[in-house]
Amino acid sequence: MGLYYFDTAISISWSKNKDITEDVKKFVALLPEAFCGLDLYNGILMRYITTSTAYLGKDEDVIEFDMLYYRSKDPMPPSIYQDILEEIDQIALFKCARLPH
């Protein structure tokens, strides 16, 4: 079988990296247990991507955030702490002008 999870990937300009990092730290301080289930295969994964002229390349240096979290195969019940991860996604969208991936 394997894990069933939801993946949200976003690219945030290097200049906005501090903003999103500070906001995530506030959520961790507010509700640390929401991040305890994020383990080796799930969690908030980050990687640095430099500017590239390649097809599908980035036109500026970015931090790529991949948020992977468990989803039930039954679509009706919400995931545990889904609201926190969706709030981080919304902050990235509106505050950091993120680029969905």
PDB file of N, CA and C in Angstrom:
ATOM      1  N   MET A   1       0.803  -1.174   0.000  1.00  0.00           N
ATOM      2  CA  MET A   1       0.000   0.000   0.000  1.00  0.00           C
ATOM      3  C   MET A   1       0.855   1.250   0.000  1.00  0.00           C
ATOM      4  N   GLY A   2       1.382   1.715   1.044  1.00  0.00           N
ATOM      5  CA  GLY A   2       2.176   2.933   1.054  1.00  0.00           C
ATOM      6  C   GLY A   2       1.404   4.119   1.608  1.00  0.00           C
ATOM      7  N   LEU A   3       2.105   5.204   1.722  1.00  0.00           N
ATOM      8  CA  LEU A   3       1.521   6.419   2.279  1.00  0.00           C
ATOM      9  C   LEU A   3       0.622   7.113   1.268  1.00  0.00           C
ATOM     10  N   TYR A   4      -0.410   7.719   1.755  1.00  0.00           N
ATOM     11  CA  TYR A   4      -1.267   8.578   0.950  1.00  0.00           C
ATOM     12  C   TYR A   4      -1.105   9.971   1.537  1.00  0.00           C
ATOM     13  N   TYR A   5      -0.624  10.902   0.740  1.00  0.00           N
ATOM     14  CA  TYR A   5      -0.339  12.222   1.281  1.00  0.00           C
ATOM     15  C   TYR A   5      -0.689  13.304   0.275  1.00  0.00           C
ATOM     16  N   PHE A   6      -0.744  14.519   0.767  1.00  0.00           N
ATOM     17  CA  PHE A   6      -1.011  15.692  -0.046  1.00  0.00           C
ATOM     18  C   PHE A   6       0.284  16.467  -0.157  1.00  0.00           C
ATOM     19  N   ASP A   7       0.586  16.980  -1.331  1.00  0.00           N
ATOM     20  CA  ASP A   7       1.831  17.708  -1.568  1.00  0.00           C
ATOM     21  C   ASP A   7       1.519  19.092  -2.112  1.00  0.00           C
ATOM     22  N   THR A   8       1.971  20.108  -1.407  1.00  0.00           N
ATOM     23  CA  THR A   8       1.872  21.479  -1.878  1.00  0.00           C
ATOM     24  C   THR A   8       3.292  21.976  -2.082  1.00  0.00           C
ATOM     25  N   ALA A   9       3.620  22.371  -3.288  1.00  0.00           N
ATOM     26  CA  ALA A   9       4.955  22.880  -3.584  1.00  0.00           C
ATOM     27  C   ALA A   9       4.853  24.346  -3.986  1.00  0.00           C
ATOM     28  N   ILE A  10       5.705  25.164  -3.398  1.00  0.00           N
ATOM     29  CA  ILE A  10       5.691  26.588  -3.680  1.00  0.00           C
ATOM     30  C   ILE A  10       7.115  27.100  -3.816  1.00  0.00           C
ATOM     31  N   SER A  11       7.290  28.060  -4.704  1.00  0.00           N
ATOM     32  CA  SER A  11       8.580  28.735  -4.866  1.00  0.00           C
ATOM     33  C   SER A  11       8.436  30.142  -4.317  1.00  0.00           C
ATOM     34  N   ILE A  12       9.363  30.520  -3.439  1.00  0.00           N
ATOM     35  CA  ILE A  12       9.339  31.849  -2.841  1.00  0.00           C
ATOM     36  C   ILE A  12      10.664  32.530  -3.138  1.00  0.00           C
ATOM     37  N   SER A  13      10.559  33.747  -3.596  1.00  0.00           N
ATOM     38  CA  SER A  13      11.748  34.537  -3.902  1.00  0.00           C
ATOM     39  C   SER A  13      12.695  34.543  -2.701  1.00  0.00           C
ATOM     40  N   TRP A  14      13.984  34.458  -3.004  1.00  0.00           N
ATOM     41  CA  TRP A  14      14.996  34.444  -1.948  1.00  0.00           C
ATOM     42  C   TRP A  14      14.827  35.652  -1.019  1.00  0.00           C
ATOM     43  N   SER A  15      14.436  36.778  -1.561  1.00  0.00           N
ATOM     44  CA  SER A  15      14.286  37.996  -0.752  1.00  0.00           C
ATOM     45  C   SER A  15      13.121  37.896   0.233  1.00  0.00           C
ATOM     46  N   LYS A  16      12.168  37.002  -0.005  1.00  0.00           N
ATOM     47  CA  LYS A  16      11.007  36.825   0.874  1.00  0.00           C
ATOM     48  C   LYS A  16      11.176  35.639   1.828  1.00  0.00           C
ATOM     49  N   ASN A  17      12.300  34.954   1.763  1.00  0.00           N
ATOM     50  CA  ASN A  17      12.535  33.755   2.560  1.00  0.00           C
ATOM     51  C   ASN A  17      12.401  34.021   4.055  1.00  0.00           C
ATOM     52  N   LYS A  18      12.949  35.127   4.515  1.00  0.00           N
ATOM     53  CA  LYS A  18      12.897  35.427   5.943  1.00  0.00           C
ATOM     54  C   LYS A  18      11.452  35.582   6.417  1.00  0.00           C
ATOM     55  N   ASP A  19      10.597  36.201   5.604  1.00  0.00           N
ATOM     56  CA  ASP A  19       9.197  36.409   5.980  1.00  0.00           C
ATOM     57  C   ASP A  19       8.485  35.087   6.255  1.00  0.00           C
ATOM     58  N   ILE A  20       8.568  34.149   5.341  1.00  0.00           N
ATOM     59  CA  ILE A  20       7.858  32.884   5.510  1.00  0.00           C
ATOM     60  C   ILE A  20       8.462  32.057   6.642  1.00  0.00           C
ATOM     61  N   THR A  21       9.778  32.111   6.791  1.00  0.00           N
ATOM     62  CA  THR A  21      10.438  31.365   7.867  1.00  0.00           C
ATOM     63  C   THR A  21       9.990  31.882   9.232  1.00  0.00           C
ATOM     64  N   GLU A  22       9.908  33.191   9.378  1.00  0.00           N
ATOM     65  CA  GLU A  22       9.453  33.773  10.645  1.00  0.00           C
ATOM     66  C   GLU A  22       8.000  33.398  10.940  1.00  0.00           C
ATOM     67  N   ASP A  23       7.163  33.388   9.927  1.00  0.00           N
ATOM     68  CA  ASP A  23       5.764  33.008  10.124  1.00  0.00           C
ATOM     69  C   ASP A  23       5.627  31.538  10.525  1.00  0.00           C
ATOM     70  N   VAL A  24       6.407  30.666   9.913  1.00  0.00           N
ATOM     71  CA  VAL A  24       6.361  29.242  10.278  1.00  0.00           C
ATOM     72  C   VAL A  24       6.835  29.066  11.715  1.00  0.00           C
ATOM     73  N   LYS A  25       7.868  29.805  12.117  1.00  0.00           N
ATOM     74  CA  LYS A  25       8.354  29.723  13.499  1.00  0.00           C
ATOM     75  C   LYS A  25       7.264  30.133  14.487  1.00  0.00           C
ATOM     76  N   LYS A  26       6.446  31.112  14.130  1.00  0.00           N
ATOM     77  CA  LYS A  26       5.339  31.539  15.004  1.00  0.00           C
ATOM     78  C   LYS A  26       4.318  30.410  15.174  1.00  0.00           C
ATOM     79  N   PHE A  27       4.038  29.695  14.085  1.00  0.00           N
ATOM     80  CA  PHE A  27       3.116  28.562  14.181  1.00  0.00           C
ATOM     81  C   PHE A  27       3.700  27.446  15.034  1.00  0.00           C
ATOM     82  N   VAL A  28       4.994  27.206  14.907  1.00  0.00           N
ATOM     83  CA  VAL A  28       5.644  26.171  15.713  1.00  0.00           C
ATOM     84  C   VAL A  28       5.563  26.539  17.191  1.00  0.00           C
ATOM     85  N   ALA A  29       5.797  27.812  17.516  1.00  0.00           N
ATOM     86  CA  ALA A  29       5.708  28.251  18.908  1.00  0.00           C
ATOM     87  C   ALA A  29       4.271  28.170  19.427  1.00  0.00           C
ATOM     88  N   LEU A  30       3.317  28.478  18.574  1.00  0.00           N
ATOM     89  CA  LEU A  30       1.907  28.476  18.958  1.00  0.00           C
ATOM     90  C   LEU A  30       1.361  27.071  19.165  1.00  0.00           C
ATOM     91  N   LEU A  31       1.723  26.147  18.271  1.00  0.00           N
ATOM     92  CA  LEU A  31       1.156  24.799  18.306  1.00  0.00           C
ATOM     93  C   LEU A  31       2.209  23.777  17.849  1.00  0.00           C
ATOM     94  N   PRO A  32       3.229  23.534  18.679  1.00  0.00           N
ATOM     95  CA  PRO A  32       4.326  22.652  18.255  1.00  0.00           C
ATOM     96  C   PRO A  32       3.883  21.240  17.895  1.00  0.00           C
ATOM     97  N   GLU A  33       2.808  20.752  18.537  1.00  0.00           N
ATOM     98  CA  GLU A  33       2.360  19.385  18.244  1.00  0.00           C
ATOM     99  C   GLU A  33       1.858  19.231  16.806  1.00  0.00           C
ATOM    100  N   ALA A  34       1.516  20.322  16.156  1.00  0.00           N
ATOM    101  CA  ALA A  34       1.064  20.254  14.761  1.00  0.00           C
ATOM    102  C   ALA A  34       2.193  19.839  13.834  1.00  0.00           C
ATOM    103  N   PHE A  35       3.435  20.015  14.282  1.00  0.00           N
ATOM    104  CA  PHE A  35       4.582  19.696  13.437  1.00  0.00           C
ATOM    105  C   PHE A  35       5.275  18.408  13.859  1.00  0.00           C
ATOM    106  N   CYS A  36       4.802  17.775  14.929  1.00  0.00           N
ATOM    107  CA  CYS A  36       5.451  16.554  15.429  1.00  0.00           C
ATOM    108  C   CYS A  36       5.268  15.358  14.500  1.00  0.00           C
ATOM    109  N   GLY A  37       4.162  15.295  13.777  1.00  0.00           N
ATOM    110  CA  GLY A  37       3.907  14.169  12.889  1.00  0.00           C
ATOM    111  C   GLY A  37       4.600  14.299  11.546  1.00  0.00           C
ATOM    112  N   LEU A  38       5.287  15.396  11.346  1.00  0.00           N
ATOM    113  CA  LEU A  38       5.997  15.600  10.090  1.00  0.00           C
ATOM    114  C   LEU A  38       7.361  14.937  10.226  1.00  0.00           C
ATOM    115  N   ASP A  39       7.524  13.803   9.584  1.00  0.00           N
ATOM    116  CA  ASP A  39       8.718  12.998   9.792  1.00  0.00           C
ATOM    117  C   ASP A  39       9.577  12.928   8.541  1.00  0.00           C
ATOM    118  N   LEU A  40      10.348  11.880   8.404  1.00  0.00           N
ATOM    119  CA  LEU A  40      11.294  11.721   7.304  1.00  0.00           C
ATOM    120  C   LEU A  40      10.632  11.811   5.932  1.00  0.00           C
ATOM    121  N   TYR A  41       9.437  11.280   5.790  1.00  0.00           N
ATOM    122  CA  TYR A  41       8.794  11.243   4.489  1.00  0.00           C
ATOM    123  C   TYR A  41       7.784  12.361   4.292  1.00  0.00           C
ATOM    124  N   ASN A  42       7.415  13.018   5.345  1.00  0.00           N
ATOM    125  CA  ASN A  42       6.453  14.113   5.287  1.00  0.00           C
ATOM    126  C   ASN A  42       7.063  15.306   5.996  1.00  0.00           C
ATOM    127  N   GLY A  43       6.524  16.477   5.764  1.00  0.00           N
ATOM    128  CA  GLY A  43       7.018  17.649   6.457  1.00  0.00           C
ATOM    129  C   GLY A  43       7.138  18.834   5.526  1.00  0.00           C
ATOM    130  N   ILE A  44       7.892  19.813   5.972  1.00  0.00           N
ATOM    131  CA  ILE A  44       8.182  20.982   5.159  1.00  0.00           C
ATOM    132  C   ILE A  44       9.630  20.837   4.711  1.00  0.00           C
ATOM    133  N   LEU A  45       9.801  20.525   3.469  1.00  0.00           N
ATOM    134  CA  LEU A  45      11.125  20.304   2.889  1.00  0.00           C
ATOM    135  C   LEU A  45      11.499  21.535   2.066  1.00  0.00           C
ATOM    136  N   MET A  46      12.747  21.971   2.164  1.00  0.00           N
ATOM    137  CA  MET A  46      13.172  23.172   1.451  1.00  0.00           C
ATOM    138  C   MET A  46      14.427  22.883   0.628  1.00  0.00           C
ATOM    139  N   ARG A  47      14.512  23.556  -0.522  1.00  0.00           N
ATOM    140  CA  ARG A  47      15.738  23.483  -1.318  1.00  0.00           C
ATOM    141  C   ARG A  47      15.925  24.815  -2.039  1.00  0.00           C
ATOM    142  N   TYR A  48      17.157  25.150  -2.274  1.00  0.00           N
ATOM    143  CA  TYR A  48      17.523  26.406  -2.928  1.00  0.00           C
ATOM    144  C   TYR A  48      17.672  26.148  -4.427  1.00  0.00           C
ATOM    145  N   ILE A  49      17.074  27.008  -5.241  1.00  0.00           N
ATOM    146  CA  ILE A  49      17.166  26.878  -6.695  1.00  0.00           C
ATOM    147  C   ILE A  49      17.670  28.206  -7.258  1.00  0.00           C
ATOM    148  N   THR A  50      18.708  28.145  -8.055  1.00  0.00           N
ATOM    149  CA  THR A  50      19.273  29.368  -8.632  1.00  0.00           C
ATOM    150  C   THR A  50      18.592  29.715  -9.948  1.00  0.00           C
ATOM    151  N   THR A  51      18.780  30.947 -10.348  1.00  0.00           N
ATOM    152  CA  THR A  51      18.255  31.439 -11.612  1.00  0.00           C
ATOM    153  C   THR A  51      18.766  30.573 -12.759  1.00  0.00           C
ATOM    154  N   SER A  52      17.876  30.288 -13.716  1.00  0.00           N
ATOM    155  CA  SER A  52      18.265  29.467 -14.855  1.00  0.00           C
ATOM    156  C   SER A  52      17.453  29.871 -16.081  1.00  0.00           C
ATOM    157  N   THR A  53      18.081  29.827 -17.237  1.00  0.00           N
ATOM    158  CA  THR A  53      17.378  30.100 -18.489  1.00  0.00           C
ATOM    159  C   THR A  53      16.807  28.821 -19.096  1.00  0.00           C
ATOM    160  N   ALA A  54      16.995  27.697 -18.419  1.00  0.00           N
ATOM    161  CA  ALA A  54      16.491  26.418 -18.912  1.00  0.00           C
ATOM    162  C   ALA A  54      14.963  26.428 -18.937  1.00  0.00           C
ATOM    163  N   TYR A  55      14.396  25.602 -19.798  1.00  0.00           N
ATOM    164  CA  TYR A  55      12.950  25.439 -19.841  1.00  0.00           C
ATOM    165  C   TYR A  55      12.481  25.017 -18.456  1.00  0.00           C
ATOM    166  N   LEU A  56      11.478  25.640 -17.924  1.00  0.00           N
ATOM    167  CA  LEU A  56      10.974  25.446 -16.570  1.00  0.00           C
ATOM    168  C   LEU A  56      11.938  25.943 -15.489  1.00  0.00           C
ATOM    169  N   GLY A  57      12.989  26.665 -15.896  1.00  0.00           N
ATOM    170  CA  GLY A  57      13.910  27.249 -14.929  1.00  0.00           C
ATOM    171  C   GLY A  57      13.272  28.447 -14.247  1.00  0.00           C
ATOM    172  N   LYS A  58      13.877  28.887 -13.177  1.00  0.00           N
ATOM    173  CA  LYS A  58      13.382  30.032 -12.419  1.00  0.00           C
ATOM    174  C   LYS A  58      14.053  31.304 -12.922  1.00  0.00           C
ATOM    175  N   ASP A  59      13.295  32.412 -12.959  1.00  0.00           N
ATOM    176  CA  ASP A  59      13.867  33.668 -13.436  1.00  0.00           C
ATOM    177  C   ASP A  59      14.513  34.472 -12.312  1.00  0.00           C
ATOM    178  N   GLU A  60      14.501  33.939 -11.087  1.00  0.00           N
ATOM    179  CA  GLU A  60      15.205  34.532  -9.956  1.00  0.00           C
ATOM    180  C   GLU A  60      15.545  33.419  -8.973  1.00  0.00           C
ATOM    181  N   ASP A  61      16.458  33.692  -8.041  1.00  0.00           N
ATOM    182  CA  ASP A  61      16.799  32.705  -7.025  1.00  0.00           C
ATOM    183  C   ASP A  61      15.602  32.511  -6.104  1.00  0.00           C
ATOM    184  N   VAL A  62      15.270  31.258  -5.817  1.00  0.00           N
ATOM    185  CA  VAL A  62      14.104  30.958  -4.987  1.00  0.00           C
ATOM    186  C   VAL A  62      14.432  29.863  -3.974  1.00  0.00           C
ATOM    187  N   ILE A  63      13.586  29.808  -2.970  1.00  0.00           N
ATOM    188  CA  ILE A  63      13.551  28.680  -2.053  1.00  0.00           C
ATOM    189  C   ILE A  63      12.303  27.890  -2.419  1.00  0.00           C
ATOM    190  N   GLU A  64      12.477  26.627  -2.681  1.00  0.00           N
ATOM    191  CA  GLU A  64      11.354  25.752  -3.008  1.00  0.00           C
ATOM    192  C   GLU A  64      10.914  25.061  -1.721  1.00  0.00           C
ATOM    193  N   PHE A  65       9.662  25.271  -1.340  1.00  0.00           N
ATOM    194  CA  PHE A  65       9.079  24.635  -0.169  1.00  0.00           C
ATOM    195  C   PHE A  65       8.134  23.539  -0.648  1.00  0.00           C
ATOM    196  N   ASP A  66       8.334  22.342  -0.163  1.00  0.00           N
ATOM    197  CA  ASP A  66       7.415  21.233  -0.416  1.00  0.00           C
ATOM    198  C   ASP A  66       6.794  20.863   0.922  1.00  0.00           C
ATOM    199  N   MET A  67       5.489  21.014   1.020  1.00  0.00           N
ATOM    200  CA  MET A  67       4.787  20.632   2.244  1.00  0.00           C
ATOM    201  C   MET A  67       4.037  19.337   1.955  1.00  0.00           C
ATOM    202  N   LEU A  68       4.479  18.279   2.587  1.00  0.00           N
ATOM    203  CA  LEU A  68       3.853  16.973   2.415  1.00  0.00           C
ATOM    204  C   LEU A  68       3.231  16.563   3.733  1.00  0.00           C
ATOM    205  N   TYR A  69       1.955  16.207   3.688  1.00  0.00           N
ATOM    206  CA  TYR A  69       1.313  15.756   4.907  1.00  0.00           C
ATOM    207  C   TYR A  69       0.282  14.685   4.606  1.00  0.00           C
ATOM    208  N   TYR A  70       0.047  13.868   5.624  1.00  0.00           N
ATOM    209  CA  TYR A  70      -0.833  12.713   5.505  1.00  0.00           C
ATOM    210  C   TYR A  70      -2.255  13.129   5.173  1.00  0.00           C
ATOM    211  N   ARG A  71      -2.865  12.385   4.289  1.00  0.00           N
ATOM    212  CA  ARG A  71      -4.291  12.548   3.968  1.00  0.00           C
ATOM    213  C   ARG A  71      -4.957  11.180   4.095  1.00  0.00           C
ATOM    214  N   SER A  72      -6.144  11.170   4.622  1.00  0.00           N
ATOM    215  CA  SER A  72      -6.931   9.949   4.664  1.00  0.00           C
ATOM    216  C   SER A  72      -7.412   9.650   3.248  1.00  0.00           C
ATOM    217  N   LYS A  73      -7.576   8.393   2.927  1.00  0.00           N
ATOM    218  CA  LYS A  73      -8.121   8.049   1.607  1.00  0.00           C
ATOM    219  C   LYS A  73      -9.601   8.418   1.506  1.00  0.00           C
ATOM    220  N   ASP A  74     -10.224   8.617   2.655  1.00  0.00           N
ATOM    221  CA  ASP A  74     -11.596   9.112   2.697  1.00  0.00           C
ATOM    222  C   ASP A  74     -11.514  10.645   2.638  1.00  0.00           C
ATOM    223  N   PRO A  75     -12.047  11.277   1.611  1.00  0.00           N
ATOM    224  CA  PRO A  75     -11.871  12.723   1.448  1.00  0.00           C
ATOM    225  C   PRO A  75     -12.688  13.580   2.415  1.00  0.00           C
ATOM    226  N   MET A  76     -13.614  13.013   3.154  1.00  0.00           N
ATOM    227  CA  MET A  76     -14.493  13.819   3.998  1.00  0.00           C
ATOM    228  C   MET A  76     -13.840  14.354   5.280  1.00  0.00           C
ATOM    229  N   PRO A  77     -13.159  13.533   6.075  1.00  0.00           N
ATOM    230  CA  PRO A  77     -12.588  14.107   7.301  1.00  0.00           C
ATOM    231  C   PRO A  77     -11.339  14.939   6.988  1.00  0.00           C
ATOM    232  N   PRO A  78     -11.171  16.057   7.694  1.00  0.00           N
ATOM    233  CA  PRO A  78      -9.958  16.861   7.465  1.00  0.00           C
ATOM    234  C   PRO A  78      -8.738  16.136   8.015  1.00  0.00           C
ATOM    235  N   SER A  79      -7.581  16.438   7.465  1.00  0.00           N
ATOM    236  CA  SER A  79      -6.340  15.879   7.983  1.00  0.00           C
ATOM    237  C   SER A  79      -6.024  16.525   9.323  1.00  0.00           C
ATOM    238  N   ILE A  80      -5.238  15.842  10.117  1.00  0.00           N
ATOM    239  CA  ILE A  80      -4.821  16.395  11.392  1.00  0.00           C
ATOM    240  C   ILE A  80      -3.987  17.649  11.138  1.00  0.00           C
ATOM    241  N   TYR A  81      -4.353  18.734  11.761  1.00  0.00           N
ATOM    242  CA  TYR A  81      -3.659  20.023  11.641  1.00  0.00           C
ATOM    243  C   TYR A  81      -3.601  20.536  10.208  1.00  0.00           C
ATOM    244  N   GLN A  82      -4.529  20.110   9.391  1.00  0.00           N
ATOM    245  CA  GLN A  82      -4.588  20.583   8.007  1.00  0.00           C
ATOM    246  C   GLN A  82      -4.726  22.099   7.959  1.00  0.00           C
ATOM    247  N   ASP A  83      -5.447  22.668   8.918  1.00  0.00           N
ATOM    248  CA  ASP A  83      -5.655  24.110   8.941  1.00  0.00           C
ATOM    249  C   ASP A  83      -4.343  24.882   9.089  1.00  0.00           C
ATOM    250  N   ILE A  84      -3.409  24.357   9.868  1.00  0.00           N
ATOM    251  CA  ILE A  84      -2.115  25.021  10.051  1.00  0.00           C
ATOM    252  C   ILE A  84      -1.340  25.029   8.737  1.00  0.00           C
ATOM    253  N   LEU A  85      -1.259  23.882   8.085  1.00  0.00           N
ATOM    254  CA  LEU A  85      -0.497  23.799   6.836  1.00  0.00           C
ATOM    255  C   LEU A  85      -1.154  24.620   5.729  1.00  0.00           C
ATOM    256  N   GLU A  86      -2.472  24.645   5.692  1.00  0.00           N
ATOM    257  CA  GLU A  86      -3.147  25.468   4.689  1.00  0.00           C
ATOM    258  C   GLU A  86      -2.951  26.955   4.980  1.00  0.00           C
ATOM    259  N   GLU A  87      -2.866  27.319   6.254  1.00  0.00           N
ATOM    260  CA  GLU A  87      -2.604  28.717   6.621  1.00  0.00           C
ATOM    261  C   GLU A  87      -1.203  29.137   6.164  1.00  0.00           C
ATOM    262  N   ILE A  88      -0.235  28.252   6.329  1.00  0.00           N
ATOM    263  CA  ILE A  88       1.118  28.539   5.846  1.00  0.00           C
ATOM    264  C   ILE A  88       1.091  28.738   4.333  1.00  0.00           C
ATOM    265  N   ASP A  89       0.342  27.914   3.632  1.00  0.00           N
ATOM    266  CA  ASP A  89       0.217  28.046   2.181  1.00  0.00           C
ATOM    267  C   ASP A  89      -0.403  29.397   1.806  1.00  0.00           C
ATOM    268  N   GLN A  90      -1.425  29.822   2.537  1.00  0.00           N
ATOM    269  CA  GLN A  90      -2.072  31.109   2.256  1.00  0.00           C
ATOM    270  C   GLN A  90      -1.149  32.286   2.563  1.00  0.00           C
ATOM    271  N   ILE A  91      -0.384  32.188   3.629  1.00  0.00           N
ATOM    272  CA  ILE A  91       0.591  33.239   3.948  1.00  0.00           C
ATOM    273  C   ILE A  91       1.603  33.351   2.816  1.00  0.00           C
ATOM    274  N   ALA A  92       2.056  32.198   2.337  1.00  0.00           N
ATOM    275  CA  ALA A  92       3.019  32.210   1.232  1.00  0.00           C
ATOM    276  C   ALA A  92       2.417  32.852  -0.016  1.00  0.00           C
ATOM    277  N   LEU A  93       1.156  32.575  -0.266  1.00  0.00           N
ATOM    278  CA  LEU A  93       0.489  33.122  -1.446  1.00  0.00           C
ATOM    279  C   LEU A  93       0.323  34.638  -1.356  1.00  0.00           C
ATOM    280  N   PHE A  94      -0.217  35.108  -0.257  1.00  0.00           N
ATOM    281  CA  PHE A  94      -0.579  36.522  -0.177  1.00  0.00           C
ATOM    282  C   PHE A  94       0.535  37.422   0.361  1.00  0.00           C
ATOM    283  N   LYS A  95       1.347  36.932   1.286  1.00  0.00           N
ATOM    284  CA  LYS A  95       2.384  37.761   1.866  1.00  0.00           C
ATOM    285  C   LYS A  95       3.701  37.695   1.093  1.00  0.00           C
ATOM    286  N   CYS A  96       3.999  36.527   0.565  1.00  0.00           N
ATOM    287  CA  CYS A  96       5.304  36.322  -0.089  1.00  0.00           C
ATOM    288  C   CYS A  96       5.209  36.229  -1.599  1.00  0.00           C
ATOM    289  N   ALA A  97       4.018  36.425  -2.161  1.00  0.00           N
ATOM    290  CA  ALA A  97       3.824  36.362  -3.604  1.00  0.00           C
ATOM    291  C   ALA A  97       4.459  35.098  -4.188  1.00  0.00           C
ATOM    292  N   ARG A  98       4.087  33.971  -3.623  1.00  0.00           N
ATOM    293  CA  ARG A  98       4.679  32.699  -4.037  1.00  0.00           C
ATOM    294  C   ARG A  98       4.241  32.276  -5.429  1.00  0.00           C
ATOM    295  N   LEU A  99       4.987  31.350  -5.995  1.00  0.00           N
ATOM    296  CA  LEU A  99       4.666  30.757  -7.280  1.00  0.00           C
ATOM    297  C   LEU A  99       4.335  29.288  -7.051  1.00  0.00           C
ATOM    298  N   PRO A 100       3.066  28.884  -7.242  1.00  0.00           N
ATOM    299  CA  PRO A 100       2.729  27.464  -7.038  1.00  0.00           C
ATOM    300  C   PRO A 100       3.480  26.585  -8.013  1.00  0.00           C
ATOM    301  N   HIS A 101       3.783  25.392  -7.575  1.00  0.00           N
ATOM    302  CA  HIS A 101       4.524  24.463  -8.431  1.00  0.00           C
ATOM    303  C   HIS A 101       3.778  23.145  -8.446  1.00  0.00           C
TER     304      HIS A 101
END
